[in-house]
N, C-alpha and C. Protein backbone atom coordinates (compact mmCIF):
# COMPACT_ATOMS: atom_id res chain seq x y z
N MET A 1 -4.99 -10.14 -5.46
CA MET A 1 -4.08 -10.37 -4.35
C MET A 1 -4.88 -10.50 -3.06
N ASP A 2 -4.50 -11.46 -2.25
CA ASP A 2 -5.20 -11.70 -1.01
C ASP A 2 -4.78 -10.76 0.12
N TYR A 3 -3.57 -10.22 0.01
CA TYR A 3 -3.04 -9.37 1.07
C TYR A 3 -2.63 -8.02 0.50
N ILE A 4 -2.75 -7.00 1.34
CA ILE A 4 -2.39 -5.63 0.96
C ILE A 4 -1.20 -5.21 1.82
N TYR A 5 -0.16 -4.75 1.15
CA TYR A 5 1.06 -4.33 1.83
C TYR A 5 0.81 -3.04 2.61
N LEU A 6 1.22 -3.03 3.88
CA LEU A 6 1.08 -1.85 4.73
C LEU A 6 2.40 -1.14 4.97
N GLY A 7 3.47 -1.89 5.18
CA GLY A 7 4.75 -1.30 5.51
C GLY A 7 5.72 -2.34 6.01
N GLU A 8 6.74 -1.87 6.72
CA GLU A 8 7.79 -2.76 7.21
C GLU A 8 8.05 -2.51 8.69
N ILE A 9 8.30 -3.60 9.41
CA ILE A 9 8.71 -3.49 10.80
C ILE A 9 10.19 -3.14 10.79
N VAL A 10 10.51 -1.93 11.22
CA VAL A 10 11.90 -1.48 11.16
C VAL A 10 12.65 -1.70 12.46
N ASN A 11 11.90 -1.89 13.55
CA ASN A 11 12.57 -2.12 14.83
C ASN A 11 11.55 -2.47 15.89
N THR A 12 12.08 -2.82 17.05
CA THR A 12 11.24 -2.99 18.23
C THR A 12 11.38 -1.70 19.03
N HIS A 13 10.55 -1.57 20.07
CA HIS A 13 10.63 -0.36 20.91
C HIS A 13 10.36 -0.78 22.35
N GLY A 14 11.30 -0.53 23.21
CA GLY A 14 11.14 -0.88 24.61
C GLY A 14 11.26 -2.38 24.83
N LEU A 15 10.83 -2.82 25.99
CA LEU A 15 10.99 -4.22 26.39
C LEU A 15 9.68 -5.01 26.39
N VAL A 16 8.55 -4.33 26.13
CA VAL A 16 7.26 -4.99 26.29
C VAL A 16 6.65 -5.51 24.98
N GLY A 17 7.45 -5.62 23.92
CA GLY A 17 6.96 -6.21 22.69
C GLY A 17 6.34 -5.23 21.70
N GLU A 18 6.62 -3.95 21.86
CA GLU A 18 6.09 -2.96 20.91
C GLU A 18 6.95 -2.98 19.65
N ILE A 19 6.30 -2.88 18.49
CA ILE A 19 7.03 -2.85 17.23
C ILE A 19 6.83 -1.50 16.55
N ARG A 20 7.85 -1.12 15.78
CA ARG A 20 7.87 0.15 15.07
C ARG A 20 7.72 -0.14 13.58
N ILE A 21 6.66 0.39 12.99
CA ILE A 21 6.36 0.15 11.57
C ILE A 21 6.50 1.45 10.80
N ILE A 22 7.16 1.38 9.66
CA ILE A 22 7.22 2.53 8.75
C ILE A 22 6.22 2.23 7.63
N SER A 23 5.29 3.15 7.42
CA SER A 23 4.21 2.91 6.47
C SER A 23 3.74 4.21 5.86
N ASP A 24 3.50 4.18 4.54
CA ASP A 24 2.88 5.34 3.89
C ASP A 24 1.51 4.96 3.36
N PHE A 25 0.96 3.88 3.90
CA PHE A 25 -0.37 3.42 3.50
C PHE A 25 -1.39 4.51 3.83
N LYS A 26 -2.24 4.86 2.87
CA LYS A 26 -3.15 6.00 3.01
C LYS A 26 -4.20 5.82 4.10
N GLU A 27 -4.70 4.61 4.27
CA GLU A 27 -5.80 4.42 5.22
C GLU A 27 -5.41 3.55 6.40
N LYS A 28 -4.19 3.76 6.89
CA LYS A 28 -3.72 2.95 8.00
C LYS A 28 -4.50 3.21 9.28
N ASP A 29 -5.17 4.35 9.37
CA ASP A 29 -5.99 4.62 10.55
C ASP A 29 -7.13 3.60 10.68
N LYS A 30 -7.54 3.00 9.58
CA LYS A 30 -8.57 1.96 9.61
C LYS A 30 -7.98 0.60 9.97
N VAL A 31 -6.71 0.40 9.64
CA VAL A 31 -6.06 -0.89 9.87
C VAL A 31 -5.54 -0.99 11.30
N PHE A 32 -4.80 0.02 11.74
CA PHE A 32 -4.13 -0.04 13.04
C PHE A 32 -5.11 0.34 14.16
N GLN A 33 -6.06 -0.55 14.39
CA GLN A 33 -7.05 -0.38 15.45
C GLN A 33 -7.05 -1.63 16.32
N ILE A 34 -7.27 -1.43 17.60
CA ILE A 34 -7.31 -2.54 18.55
C ILE A 34 -8.35 -3.56 18.09
N GLY A 35 -7.93 -4.81 18.07
CA GLY A 35 -8.81 -5.91 17.65
C GLY A 35 -8.66 -6.30 16.20
N ASN A 36 -8.07 -5.44 15.37
CA ASN A 36 -7.82 -5.79 13.97
C ASN A 36 -6.60 -6.71 13.89
N TYR A 37 -6.50 -7.40 12.76
CA TYR A 37 -5.37 -8.31 12.55
C TYR A 37 -4.43 -7.76 11.49
N ILE A 38 -3.14 -7.99 11.70
CA ILE A 38 -2.12 -7.75 10.68
C ILE A 38 -1.46 -9.10 10.40
N TYR A 39 -0.77 -9.16 9.29
CA TYR A 39 -0.11 -10.40 8.87
C TYR A 39 1.34 -10.07 8.58
N ILE A 40 2.24 -10.85 9.16
CA ILE A 40 3.65 -10.48 9.18
C ILE A 40 4.51 -11.48 8.41
N GLY A 41 5.37 -10.92 7.53
CA GLY A 41 6.35 -11.72 6.81
C GLY A 41 5.78 -12.54 5.67
N LYS A 42 6.66 -13.31 5.03
CA LYS A 42 6.28 -14.14 3.89
C LYS A 42 5.23 -15.17 4.26
N ASP A 43 5.31 -15.67 5.50
CA ASP A 43 4.36 -16.70 5.95
C ASP A 43 3.03 -16.12 6.41
N LYS A 44 2.93 -14.78 6.43
CA LYS A 44 1.72 -14.07 6.84
C LYS A 44 1.24 -14.51 8.23
N GLU A 45 2.17 -14.44 9.20
CA GLU A 45 1.83 -14.77 10.59
C GLU A 45 0.78 -13.79 11.09
N LYS A 46 -0.33 -14.32 11.56
CA LYS A 46 -1.47 -13.50 12.00
C LYS A 46 -1.21 -12.97 13.40
N ALA A 47 -1.45 -11.66 13.60
CA ALA A 47 -1.25 -11.03 14.90
C ALA A 47 -2.39 -10.04 15.15
N GLU A 48 -2.97 -10.11 16.34
CA GLU A 48 -4.06 -9.19 16.72
C GLU A 48 -3.49 -7.97 17.42
N ILE A 49 -3.90 -6.80 16.98
CA ILE A 49 -3.43 -5.53 17.54
C ILE A 49 -4.08 -5.29 18.90
N THR A 50 -3.23 -5.01 19.91
CA THR A 50 -3.75 -4.70 21.25
C THR A 50 -3.52 -3.25 21.65
N SER A 51 -2.60 -2.56 20.96
CA SER A 51 -2.44 -1.12 21.20
C SER A 51 -1.83 -0.48 19.96
N TYR A 52 -2.10 0.81 19.81
CA TYR A 52 -1.57 1.57 18.68
C TYR A 52 -1.31 3.00 19.12
N ARG A 53 -0.22 3.54 18.62
CA ARG A 53 0.08 4.96 18.82
C ARG A 53 1.03 5.41 17.71
N LYS A 54 1.02 6.71 17.45
CA LYS A 54 1.96 7.32 16.50
C LYS A 54 3.16 7.81 17.31
N HIS A 55 4.35 7.65 16.72
CA HIS A 55 5.57 8.18 17.33
C HIS A 55 6.48 8.64 16.20
N LYS A 56 6.62 9.96 16.07
CA LYS A 56 7.37 10.56 14.97
C LYS A 56 6.77 10.08 13.64
N ASN A 57 7.58 9.46 12.78
CA ASN A 57 7.08 8.97 11.49
C ASN A 57 6.66 7.52 11.53
N TYR A 58 6.54 6.96 12.72
CA TYR A 58 6.31 5.53 12.86
C TYR A 58 4.92 5.23 13.43
N ASP A 59 4.47 4.03 13.12
CA ASP A 59 3.25 3.48 13.72
C ASP A 59 3.71 2.43 14.72
N MET A 60 3.34 2.61 15.96
CA MET A 60 3.80 1.74 17.04
C MET A 60 2.63 0.87 17.49
N ILE A 61 2.83 -0.45 17.47
CA ILE A 61 1.76 -1.33 17.90
C ILE A 61 2.30 -2.45 18.79
N THR A 62 1.41 -2.99 19.59
CA THR A 62 1.67 -4.23 20.32
C THR A 62 0.61 -5.22 19.86
N CYS A 63 0.95 -6.49 20.01
CA CYS A 63 0.07 -7.57 19.55
C CYS A 63 -0.22 -8.55 20.67
N LYS A 64 -1.37 -9.16 20.60
CA LYS A 64 -1.83 -10.13 21.59
C LYS A 64 -0.80 -11.25 21.75
N ASN A 65 -0.53 -11.61 23.00
CA ASN A 65 0.40 -12.68 23.37
C ASN A 65 1.85 -12.39 22.98
N LYS A 66 2.18 -11.16 22.69
CA LYS A 66 3.56 -10.74 22.41
C LYS A 66 3.90 -9.66 23.43
N THR A 67 4.44 -10.08 24.58
CA THR A 67 4.63 -9.15 25.69
C THR A 67 6.09 -8.87 26.03
N SER A 68 7.01 -9.34 25.16
CA SER A 68 8.42 -9.05 25.42
C SER A 68 9.15 -8.80 24.11
N ILE A 69 10.26 -8.12 24.22
CA ILE A 69 11.08 -7.81 23.05
C ILE A 69 11.53 -9.09 22.35
N ASP A 70 11.82 -10.14 23.13
CA ASP A 70 12.29 -11.40 22.55
C ASP A 70 11.25 -12.04 21.64
N GLN A 71 9.98 -11.82 21.92
CA GLN A 71 8.91 -12.41 21.11
C GLN A 71 8.70 -11.69 19.78
N VAL A 72 9.05 -10.41 19.70
CA VAL A 72 8.83 -9.64 18.46
C VAL A 72 10.11 -9.36 17.69
N LEU A 73 11.25 -9.60 18.29
CA LEU A 73 12.53 -9.36 17.61
C LEU A 73 12.64 -10.11 16.28
N PRO A 74 12.13 -11.35 16.17
CA PRO A 74 12.20 -12.04 14.87
C PRO A 74 11.41 -11.35 13.76
N TRP A 75 10.50 -10.45 14.11
CA TRP A 75 9.71 -9.73 13.11
C TRP A 75 10.47 -8.57 12.48
N LYS A 76 11.56 -8.14 13.10
CA LYS A 76 12.32 -6.99 12.61
C LYS A 76 12.73 -7.22 11.15
N GLY A 77 12.44 -6.23 10.29
CA GLY A 77 12.78 -6.30 8.87
C GLY A 77 11.72 -6.98 8.02
N LYS A 78 10.65 -7.46 8.63
CA LYS A 78 9.61 -8.15 7.86
C LYS A 78 8.51 -7.18 7.44
N ASN A 79 7.87 -7.52 6.35
CA ASN A 79 6.75 -6.72 5.84
C ASN A 79 5.48 -7.01 6.62
N VAL A 80 4.59 -6.02 6.63
CA VAL A 80 3.32 -6.12 7.33
C VAL A 80 2.20 -5.97 6.31
N TYR A 81 1.18 -6.81 6.43
CA TYR A 81 0.07 -6.83 5.49
C TYR A 81 -1.26 -6.83 6.24
N VAL A 82 -2.31 -6.53 5.52
CA VAL A 82 -3.68 -6.72 5.99
C VAL A 82 -4.34 -7.63 4.96
N LYS A 83 -5.25 -8.46 5.42
CA LYS A 83 -5.93 -9.38 4.52
C LYS A 83 -7.08 -8.64 3.83
N ARG A 84 -7.10 -8.77 2.51
CA ARG A 84 -8.15 -8.12 1.72
C ARG A 84 -9.51 -8.65 2.19
N GLY A 85 -10.44 -7.73 2.37
CA GLY A 85 -11.78 -8.11 2.77
C GLY A 85 -12.03 -8.00 4.26
N GLU A 86 -10.97 -7.98 5.07
CA GLU A 86 -11.17 -7.85 6.52
C GLU A 86 -11.48 -6.41 6.90
N ILE A 87 -11.03 -5.47 6.07
CA ILE A 87 -11.27 -4.05 6.32
C ILE A 87 -11.73 -3.42 5.02
N THR A 88 -12.73 -2.57 5.10
CA THR A 88 -13.23 -1.87 3.93
C THR A 88 -12.57 -0.49 3.86
N PHE A 89 -12.02 -0.20 2.69
CA PHE A 89 -11.35 1.08 2.52
C PHE A 89 -12.22 2.04 1.72
N ASP A 90 -11.99 3.34 1.92
CA ASP A 90 -12.77 4.38 1.25
C ASP A 90 -12.37 4.56 -0.20
N SER A 91 -11.17 4.14 -0.54
CA SER A 91 -10.68 4.35 -1.89
C SER A 91 -9.91 3.10 -2.35
N PHE A 92 -9.45 3.14 -3.59
CA PHE A 92 -8.64 2.06 -4.11
C PHE A 92 -7.29 2.06 -3.40
N VAL A 93 -6.70 0.87 -3.30
CA VAL A 93 -5.36 0.76 -2.72
C VAL A 93 -4.39 0.38 -3.83
N LYS A 94 -3.12 0.55 -3.57
CA LYS A 94 -2.07 0.31 -4.57
C LYS A 94 -2.24 -1.04 -5.26
N GLU A 95 -2.51 -2.09 -4.50
CA GLU A 95 -2.63 -3.43 -5.06
C GLU A 95 -3.78 -3.54 -6.07
N ASP A 96 -4.79 -2.68 -5.95
CA ASP A 96 -5.89 -2.68 -6.92
C ASP A 96 -5.39 -2.24 -8.30
N PHE A 97 -4.42 -1.35 -8.33
CA PHE A 97 -3.94 -0.79 -9.59
C PHE A 97 -2.84 -1.61 -10.26
N LEU A 98 -2.04 -2.30 -9.47
CA LEU A 98 -0.90 -3.04 -10.04
C LEU A 98 -1.37 -4.07 -11.06
N GLY A 99 -0.74 -4.04 -12.24
CA GLY A 99 -1.09 -4.97 -13.31
C GLY A 99 -2.22 -4.51 -14.20
N MET A 100 -2.84 -3.37 -13.87
CA MET A 100 -3.92 -2.84 -14.71
C MET A 100 -3.39 -2.42 -16.07
N THR A 101 -4.19 -2.67 -17.10
CA THR A 101 -3.88 -2.18 -18.44
C THR A 101 -4.36 -0.73 -18.51
N VAL A 102 -3.50 0.14 -19.06
CA VAL A 102 -3.79 1.57 -19.12
C VAL A 102 -4.11 1.97 -20.55
N PHE A 103 -5.23 2.69 -20.70
CA PHE A 103 -5.65 3.18 -22.00
C PHE A 103 -5.73 4.70 -21.98
N TYR A 104 -5.36 5.27 -23.14
CA TYR A 104 -5.53 6.71 -23.34
C TYR A 104 -6.06 6.90 -24.75
N GLN A 105 -7.20 7.58 -24.86
CA GLN A 105 -7.88 7.81 -26.14
C GLN A 105 -8.08 6.48 -26.88
N GLY A 106 -8.47 5.44 -26.12
CA GLY A 106 -8.77 4.13 -26.69
C GLY A 106 -7.56 3.28 -27.02
N LYS A 107 -6.37 3.82 -26.82
CA LYS A 107 -5.15 3.09 -27.17
C LYS A 107 -4.47 2.55 -25.90
N ASN A 108 -4.04 1.29 -25.96
CA ASN A 108 -3.32 0.67 -24.85
C ASN A 108 -1.92 1.31 -24.79
N ILE A 109 -1.63 1.98 -23.67
CA ILE A 109 -0.31 2.61 -23.54
C ILE A 109 0.62 1.85 -22.60
N GLY A 110 0.12 0.81 -21.95
CA GLY A 110 0.98 0.03 -21.07
C GLY A 110 0.26 -0.56 -19.88
N THR A 111 1.06 -0.94 -18.90
CA THR A 111 0.57 -1.60 -17.69
C THR A 111 1.14 -0.90 -16.47
N ILE A 112 0.32 -0.77 -15.44
CA ILE A 112 0.82 -0.17 -14.19
C ILE A 112 1.69 -1.20 -13.48
N LYS A 113 2.99 -0.86 -13.34
CA LYS A 113 3.91 -1.80 -12.69
C LYS A 113 4.23 -1.40 -11.26
N ASP A 114 3.95 -0.14 -10.90
CA ASP A 114 4.22 0.32 -9.54
C ASP A 114 3.51 1.64 -9.31
N MET A 115 3.51 2.08 -8.07
CA MET A 115 3.03 3.40 -7.71
C MET A 115 4.04 3.98 -6.74
N VAL A 116 4.40 5.24 -6.96
CA VAL A 116 5.37 5.91 -6.12
C VAL A 116 4.82 7.27 -5.72
N THR A 117 5.43 7.87 -4.72
CA THR A 117 5.02 9.20 -4.28
C THR A 117 6.19 10.15 -4.53
N ASN A 118 5.88 11.31 -5.07
CA ASN A 118 6.93 12.30 -5.34
C ASN A 118 6.95 13.40 -4.29
N GLY A 119 6.27 13.17 -3.19
CA GLY A 119 6.21 14.18 -2.13
C GLY A 119 4.90 14.94 -2.15
N MET A 120 4.33 15.10 -3.34
CA MET A 120 3.05 15.80 -3.47
C MET A 120 1.95 14.85 -3.94
N TYR A 121 2.28 14.02 -4.93
CA TYR A 121 1.28 13.18 -5.57
C TYR A 121 1.71 11.73 -5.58
N GLU A 122 0.70 10.88 -5.65
CA GLU A 122 0.94 9.48 -5.93
C GLU A 122 0.99 9.36 -7.45
N LEU A 123 1.98 8.64 -7.96
CA LEU A 123 2.17 8.52 -9.40
C LEU A 123 2.03 7.06 -9.84
N PHE A 124 1.34 6.85 -10.96
CA PHE A 124 1.32 5.54 -11.58
C PHE A 124 2.62 5.39 -12.36
N VAL A 125 3.32 4.28 -12.19
CA VAL A 125 4.48 3.96 -13.01
C VAL A 125 3.97 3.00 -14.08
N ILE A 126 3.89 3.51 -15.30
CA ILE A 126 3.30 2.75 -16.41
C ILE A 126 4.42 2.28 -17.33
N GLU A 127 4.45 0.98 -17.55
CA GLU A 127 5.45 0.39 -18.44
C GLU A 127 4.79 0.18 -19.80
N GLY A 128 5.32 0.86 -20.80
CA GLY A 128 4.81 0.76 -22.17
C GLY A 128 5.99 0.88 -23.12
N LYS A 129 5.81 1.65 -24.22
CA LYS A 129 6.95 1.91 -25.12
C LYS A 129 8.09 2.53 -24.35
N LYS A 130 7.71 3.38 -23.42
CA LYS A 130 8.64 4.02 -22.48
C LYS A 130 8.04 3.82 -21.10
N GLU A 131 8.73 4.31 -20.10
CA GLU A 131 8.15 4.32 -18.76
C GLU A 131 7.51 5.68 -18.53
N TYR A 132 6.25 5.68 -18.17
CA TYR A 132 5.51 6.92 -17.94
C TYR A 132 5.20 7.05 -16.45
N LEU A 133 5.24 8.28 -15.95
CA LEU A 133 4.81 8.60 -14.60
C LEU A 133 3.62 9.54 -14.72
N ILE A 134 2.46 9.04 -14.34
CA ILE A 134 1.22 9.82 -14.47
C ILE A 134 0.61 10.00 -13.08
N PRO A 135 0.29 11.24 -12.68
CA PRO A 135 -0.30 11.46 -11.36
C PRO A 135 -1.64 10.75 -11.19
N ASN A 136 -1.84 10.17 -10.03
CA ASN A 136 -3.12 9.55 -9.68
C ASN A 136 -4.02 10.65 -9.13
N LEU A 137 -4.55 11.43 -10.06
CA LEU A 137 -5.44 12.55 -9.72
C LEU A 137 -6.72 12.44 -10.55
N PRO A 138 -7.85 12.83 -9.99
CA PRO A 138 -9.12 12.73 -10.73
C PRO A 138 -9.08 13.42 -12.10
N HIS A 139 -8.29 14.47 -12.22
CA HIS A 139 -8.18 15.21 -13.48
C HIS A 139 -7.70 14.30 -14.62
N PHE A 140 -6.92 13.27 -14.29
CA PHE A 140 -6.33 12.40 -15.31
C PHE A 140 -7.03 11.05 -15.45
N ILE A 141 -8.01 10.75 -14.61
CA ILE A 141 -8.67 9.45 -14.64
C ILE A 141 -10.07 9.57 -15.21
N GLU A 142 -10.29 8.88 -16.31
CA GLU A 142 -11.63 8.85 -16.92
C GLU A 142 -12.47 7.76 -16.27
N THR A 143 -11.99 6.51 -16.29
CA THR A 143 -12.70 5.40 -15.65
C THR A 143 -11.71 4.39 -15.09
N ILE A 144 -12.16 3.67 -14.07
CA ILE A 144 -11.39 2.58 -13.48
C ILE A 144 -12.31 1.37 -13.41
N SER A 145 -11.83 0.23 -13.88
CA SER A 145 -12.59 -1.01 -13.77
C SER A 145 -11.72 -2.06 -13.09
N ILE A 146 -12.02 -2.31 -11.83
CA ILE A 146 -11.28 -3.32 -11.08
C ILE A 146 -11.53 -4.70 -11.70
N GLU A 147 -12.78 -4.95 -12.11
CA GLU A 147 -13.15 -6.24 -12.68
C GLU A 147 -12.39 -6.54 -13.97
N LYS A 148 -12.27 -5.54 -14.83
CA LYS A 148 -11.58 -5.71 -16.12
C LYS A 148 -10.08 -5.47 -16.00
N LYS A 149 -9.63 -4.98 -14.82
CA LYS A 149 -8.22 -4.61 -14.61
C LYS A 149 -7.78 -3.57 -15.64
N GLN A 150 -8.62 -2.53 -15.81
CA GLN A 150 -8.33 -1.48 -16.78
C GLN A 150 -8.52 -0.10 -16.15
N ILE A 151 -7.71 0.83 -16.62
CA ILE A 151 -7.88 2.23 -16.25
C ILE A 151 -7.79 3.04 -17.54
N HIS A 152 -8.72 3.96 -17.70
CA HIS A 152 -8.73 4.84 -18.87
C HIS A 152 -8.39 6.24 -18.39
N LEU A 153 -7.37 6.83 -19.02
CA LEU A 153 -6.89 8.15 -18.64
C LEU A 153 -7.43 9.22 -19.59
N LYS A 154 -7.38 10.46 -19.14
CA LYS A 154 -7.80 11.61 -19.95
C LYS A 154 -6.91 12.79 -19.60
N GLY A 155 -7.05 13.85 -20.39
CA GLY A 155 -6.38 15.11 -20.08
C GLY A 155 -4.87 15.07 -20.15
N LEU A 156 -4.32 14.20 -20.99
CA LEU A 156 -2.87 14.06 -21.06
C LEU A 156 -2.25 14.72 -22.29
N GLU A 157 -3.01 15.55 -22.97
CA GLU A 157 -2.49 16.21 -24.16
C GLU A 157 -1.18 16.92 -23.83
N GLY A 158 -0.16 16.65 -24.61
CA GLY A 158 1.14 17.28 -24.39
C GLY A 158 1.93 16.69 -23.24
N PHE A 159 1.42 15.63 -22.63
CA PHE A 159 2.09 15.03 -21.48
C PHE A 159 3.34 14.28 -21.88
N TRP A 160 3.31 13.67 -23.07
CA TRP A 160 4.47 12.92 -23.54
C TRP A 160 4.54 12.95 -25.04
N ASN A 161 5.70 12.62 -25.54
CA ASN A 161 5.94 12.51 -26.98
C ASN A 161 6.23 11.04 -27.26
N GLU A 162 5.38 10.39 -28.07
CA GLU A 162 5.51 8.95 -28.31
C GLU A 162 6.51 8.64 -29.42
N ASN A 163 7.17 9.61 -29.98
CA ASN A 163 8.16 9.35 -31.04
C ASN A 163 9.45 8.82 -30.47
């Protein structure tokens, strides 16, 4: 995937073109920096960040050449992305895992179709014979191969009944 999903523009704020983004992206502190670019909506409209601040559960930003509410109002409800390769992350991101084939004890148990958070942990949603929810924790991960699109799990004894 060329773009990594960051969150959604849920509203504007004030009259000077500030937008309110809801995001649970783990490394947004690397993305939401002055001079970085975000990409908005299906068409991936490129916008340069000129200011950033946190406000409650939201990430508030302004963008270059967007100085009024009228200029950013069309963005309301649109998704926000970052272009892969423009920023280096410390860890894997959700898009790296989606579509990966999952193995346990050498057996293919399914494919990662989504990742969700249960309040404490990030969980892999694995589609196989059944739908499995496996925590994305080092204790359960043996190896990850981005190139092969594979993840090998460990330590799942008693985690599920395949009957």
